[in-house]
Amino acid sequence: MSLLLLLIPLIGISLVTIETNYGLSIVNNIKIKSIALTTSIINLIVSLIMFILFDFSSKQFQFIEEHYQVSYFDIYLGVDGLSIYFILLTTIIMPIAILSN
């Protein structure tokens, strides 16, 4: 689930990049902002689900995903008790920032 928090914005970035290749116009700007808002809201929903499923009685990492030997690196993702609040804070701020722009 922690990998989703990284992949959803990357998908949104690729969609925005594809949309900007068609030229700049008012309609295109609205599409780009709606794509950004949609991906940030989806990311917020995923982080809220993670927060609900998080076990605060455990002091271990949770939602651990390990990927070994991915282009000469080992990727180890996990969420602990402090970082869950930062994830939630970031995903709450992003739709507000997009809407206020």
C-alpha atoms as a PDB file:
ATOM      1  CA  MET A   1       0.000   0.000   0.000  1.00  0.00           C
ATOM      2  CA  SER A   2       2.943   2.318   0.605  1.00  0.00           C
ATOM      3  CA  LEU A   3       4.044   1.726  -2.973  1.00  0.00           C
ATOM      4  CA  LEU A   4       0.675   3.103  -4.118  1.00  0.00           C
ATOM      5  CA  LEU A   5       1.467   6.393  -2.415  1.00  0.00           C
ATOM      6  CA  LEU A   6       4.477   6.677  -4.708  1.00  0.00           C
ATOM      7  CA  LEU A   7       2.919   5.337  -7.902  1.00  0.00           C
ATOM      8  CA  ILE A   8      -0.308   7.379  -7.931  1.00  0.00           C
ATOM      9  CA  PRO A   9       1.474  10.763  -8.217  1.00  0.00           C
ATOM     10  CA  LEU A  10       3.796   9.322 -10.877  1.00  0.00           C
ATOM     11  CA  ILE A  11       0.778   8.248 -12.916  1.00  0.00           C
ATOM     12  CA  GLY A  12      -0.695  11.725 -12.464  1.00  0.00           C
ATOM     13  CA  ILE A  13       2.562  13.320 -13.625  1.00  0.00           C
ATOM     14  CA  SER A  14       2.610  11.153 -16.736  1.00  0.00           C
ATOM     15  CA  LEU A  15      -1.013  12.056 -17.531  1.00  0.00           C
ATOM     16  CA  VAL A  16      -0.282  15.759 -17.096  1.00  0.00           C
ATOM     17  CA  THR A  17       2.790  15.418 -19.327  1.00  0.00           C
ATOM     18  CA  ILE A  18       0.740  13.739 -22.033  1.00  0.00           C
ATOM     19  CA  GLU A  19      -1.923  16.447 -21.743  1.00  0.00           C
ATOM     20  CA  THR A  20       0.592  19.305 -22.031  1.00  0.00           C
ATOM     21  CA  ASN A  21       1.943  17.893 -25.289  1.00  0.00           C
ATOM     22  CA  TYR A  22      -1.356  18.791 -26.974  1.00  0.00           C
ATOM     23  CA  GLY A  23      -0.756  22.534 -26.562  1.00  0.00           C
ATOM     24  CA  LEU A  24      -1.719  25.175 -24.064  1.00  0.00           C
ATOM     25  CA  SER A  25      -5.250  26.505 -23.910  1.00  0.00           C
ATOM     26  CA  ILE A  26      -7.873  27.349 -21.313  1.00  0.00           C
ATOM     27  CA  VAL A  27      -9.597  23.977 -21.699  1.00  0.00           C
ATOM     28  CA  ASN A  28      -6.269  22.192 -21.478  1.00  0.00           C
ATOM     29  CA  ASN A  29      -5.398  24.074 -18.267  1.00  0.00           C
ATOM     30  CA  ILE A  30      -8.676  22.955 -16.704  1.00  0.00           C
ATOM     31  CA  LYS A  31      -7.945  19.346 -17.693  1.00  0.00           C
ATOM     32  CA  ILE A  32      -4.462  19.521 -16.190  1.00  0.00           C
ATOM     33  CA  LYS A  33      -5.781  20.946 -12.902  1.00  0.00           C
ATOM     34  CA  SER A  34      -8.536  18.331 -12.754  1.00  0.00           C
ATOM     35  CA  ILE A  35      -6.008  15.530 -13.321  1.00  0.00           C
ATOM     36  CA  ALA A  36      -3.802  16.926 -10.546  1.00  0.00           C
ATOM     37  CA  LEU A  37      -6.751  17.286  -8.169  1.00  0.00           C
ATOM     38  CA  THR A  38      -8.042  13.798  -8.942  1.00  0.00           C
ATOM     39  CA  THR A  39      -4.694  12.124  -8.339  1.00  0.00           C
ATOM     40  CA  SER A  40      -4.158  14.037  -5.098  1.00  0.00           C
ATOM     41  CA  ILE A  41      -7.626  13.065  -3.838  1.00  0.00           C
ATOM     42  CA  ILE A  42      -6.987   9.415  -4.731  1.00  0.00           C
ATOM     43  CA  ASN A  43      -3.700   9.652  -2.845  1.00  0.00           C
ATOM     44  CA  LEU A  44      -5.570  11.165   0.131  1.00  0.00           C
ATOM     45  CA  ILE A  45      -8.051   8.287   0.127  1.00  0.00           C
ATOM     46  CA  VAL A  46      -5.220   5.736   0.084  1.00  0.00           C
ATOM     47  CA  SER A  47      -3.491   7.482   2.996  1.00  0.00           C
ATOM     48  CA  LEU A  48      -6.753   7.612   4.969  1.00  0.00           C
ATOM     49  CA  ILE A  49      -7.184   3.866   4.431  1.00  0.00           C
ATOM     50  CA  MET A  50      -3.601   3.360   5.632  1.00  0.00           C
ATOM     51  CA  PHE A  51      -4.312   5.493   8.709  1.00  0.00           C
ATOM     52  CA  ILE A  52      -7.444   3.488   9.521  1.00  0.00           C
ATOM     53  CA  LEU A  53      -5.639   0.149   9.101  1.00  0.00           C
ATOM     54  CA  PHE A  54      -2.550   1.282  11.023  1.00  0.00           C
ATOM     55  CA  ASP A  55      -1.957  -0.566  14.301  1.00  0.00           C
ATOM     56  CA  PHE A  56      -0.769   2.046  16.811  1.00  0.00           C
ATOM     57  CA  SER A  57      -0.026  -0.554  19.504  1.00  0.00           C
ATOM     58  CA  SER A  58       2.883  -1.939  17.470  1.00  0.00           C
ATOM     59  CA  LYS A  59       6.250  -0.201  17.344  1.00  0.00           C
ATOM     60  CA  GLN A  60       7.318  -1.968  14.163  1.00  0.00           C
ATOM     61  CA  PHE A  61       7.181  -0.806  10.572  1.00  0.00           C
ATOM     62  CA  GLN A  62       3.890  -1.588   8.866  1.00  0.00           C
ATOM     63  CA  PHE A  63       2.781  -1.793   5.221  1.00  0.00           C
ATOM     64  CA  ILE A  64       6.260  -3.075   4.367  1.00  0.00           C
ATOM     65  CA  GLU A  65       7.135  -3.691   0.737  1.00  0.00           C
ATOM     66  CA  GLU A  66      10.509  -5.065  -0.265  1.00  0.00           C
ATOM     67  CA  HIS A  67      11.837  -5.096  -3.799  1.00  0.00           C
ATOM     68  CA  TYR A  68      15.309  -6.505  -4.214  1.00  0.00           C
ATOM     69  CA  GLN A  69      17.730  -5.793  -7.041  1.00  0.00           C
ATOM     70  CA  VAL A  70      15.690  -3.184  -8.845  1.00  0.00           C
ATOM     71  CA  SER A  71      18.357  -1.643 -11.096  1.00  0.00           C
ATOM     72  CA  TYR A  72      21.214  -2.171  -8.629  1.00  0.00           C
ATOM     73  CA  PHE A  73      19.214  -0.967  -5.619  1.00  0.00           C
ATOM     74  CA  ASP A  74      17.170  -2.630  -2.917  1.00  0.00           C
ATOM     75  CA  ILE A  75      13.938  -0.791  -2.205  1.00  0.00           C
ATOM     76  CA  TYR A  76      12.447  -1.142   1.269  1.00  0.00           C
ATOM     77  CA  LEU A  77       9.291   0.842   2.005  1.00  0.00           C
ATOM     78  CA  GLY A  78       7.497   0.963   5.319  1.00  0.00           C
ATOM     79  CA  VAL A  79       5.478   3.248   7.557  1.00  0.00           C
ATOM     80  CA  ASP A  80       6.124   3.775  11.251  1.00  0.00           C
ATOM     81  CA  GLY A  81       4.193   5.638  13.938  1.00  0.00           C
ATOM     82  CA  LEU A  82       5.684   9.046  13.184  1.00  0.00           C
ATOM     83  CA  SER A  83       5.668   8.926   9.410  1.00  0.00           C
ATOM     84  CA  ILE A  84       1.964   8.017   9.195  1.00  0.00           C
ATOM     85  CA  TYR A  85       1.144  11.510  10.485  1.00  0.00           C
ATOM     86  CA  PHE A  86       3.456  13.149   7.958  1.00  0.00           C
ATOM     87  CA  ILE A  87       1.928  11.102   5.136  1.00  0.00           C
ATOM     88  CA  LEU A  88      -1.547  12.136   6.235  1.00  0.00           C
ATOM     89  CA  LEU A  89      -0.523  15.780   6.595  1.00  0.00           C
ATOM     90  CA  THR A  90       1.026  15.880   3.130  1.00  0.00           C
ATOM     91  CA  THR A  91      -1.912  14.214   1.425  1.00  0.00           C
ATOM     92  CA  ILE A  92      -4.378  16.562   3.146  1.00  0.00           C
ATOM     93  CA  ILE A  93      -2.426  19.680   2.163  1.00  0.00           C
ATOM     94  CA  MET A  94      -2.004  18.778  -1.521  1.00  0.00           C
ATOM     95  CA  PRO A  95      -5.690  19.015  -2.627  1.00  0.00           C
ATOM     96  CA  ILE A  96      -6.040  22.247  -0.630  1.00  0.00           C
ATOM     97  CA  ALA A  97      -2.988  23.687  -2.373  1.00  0.00           C
ATOM     98  CA  ILE A  98      -4.252  22.643  -5.809  1.00  0.00           C
ATOM     99  CA  LEU A  99      -7.698  24.121  -5.146  1.00  0.00           C
ATOM    100  CA  SER A 100      -6.260  27.390  -3.873  1.00  0.00           C
ATOM    101  CA  ASN A 101      -4.118  27.818  -6.966  1.00  0.00           C
END
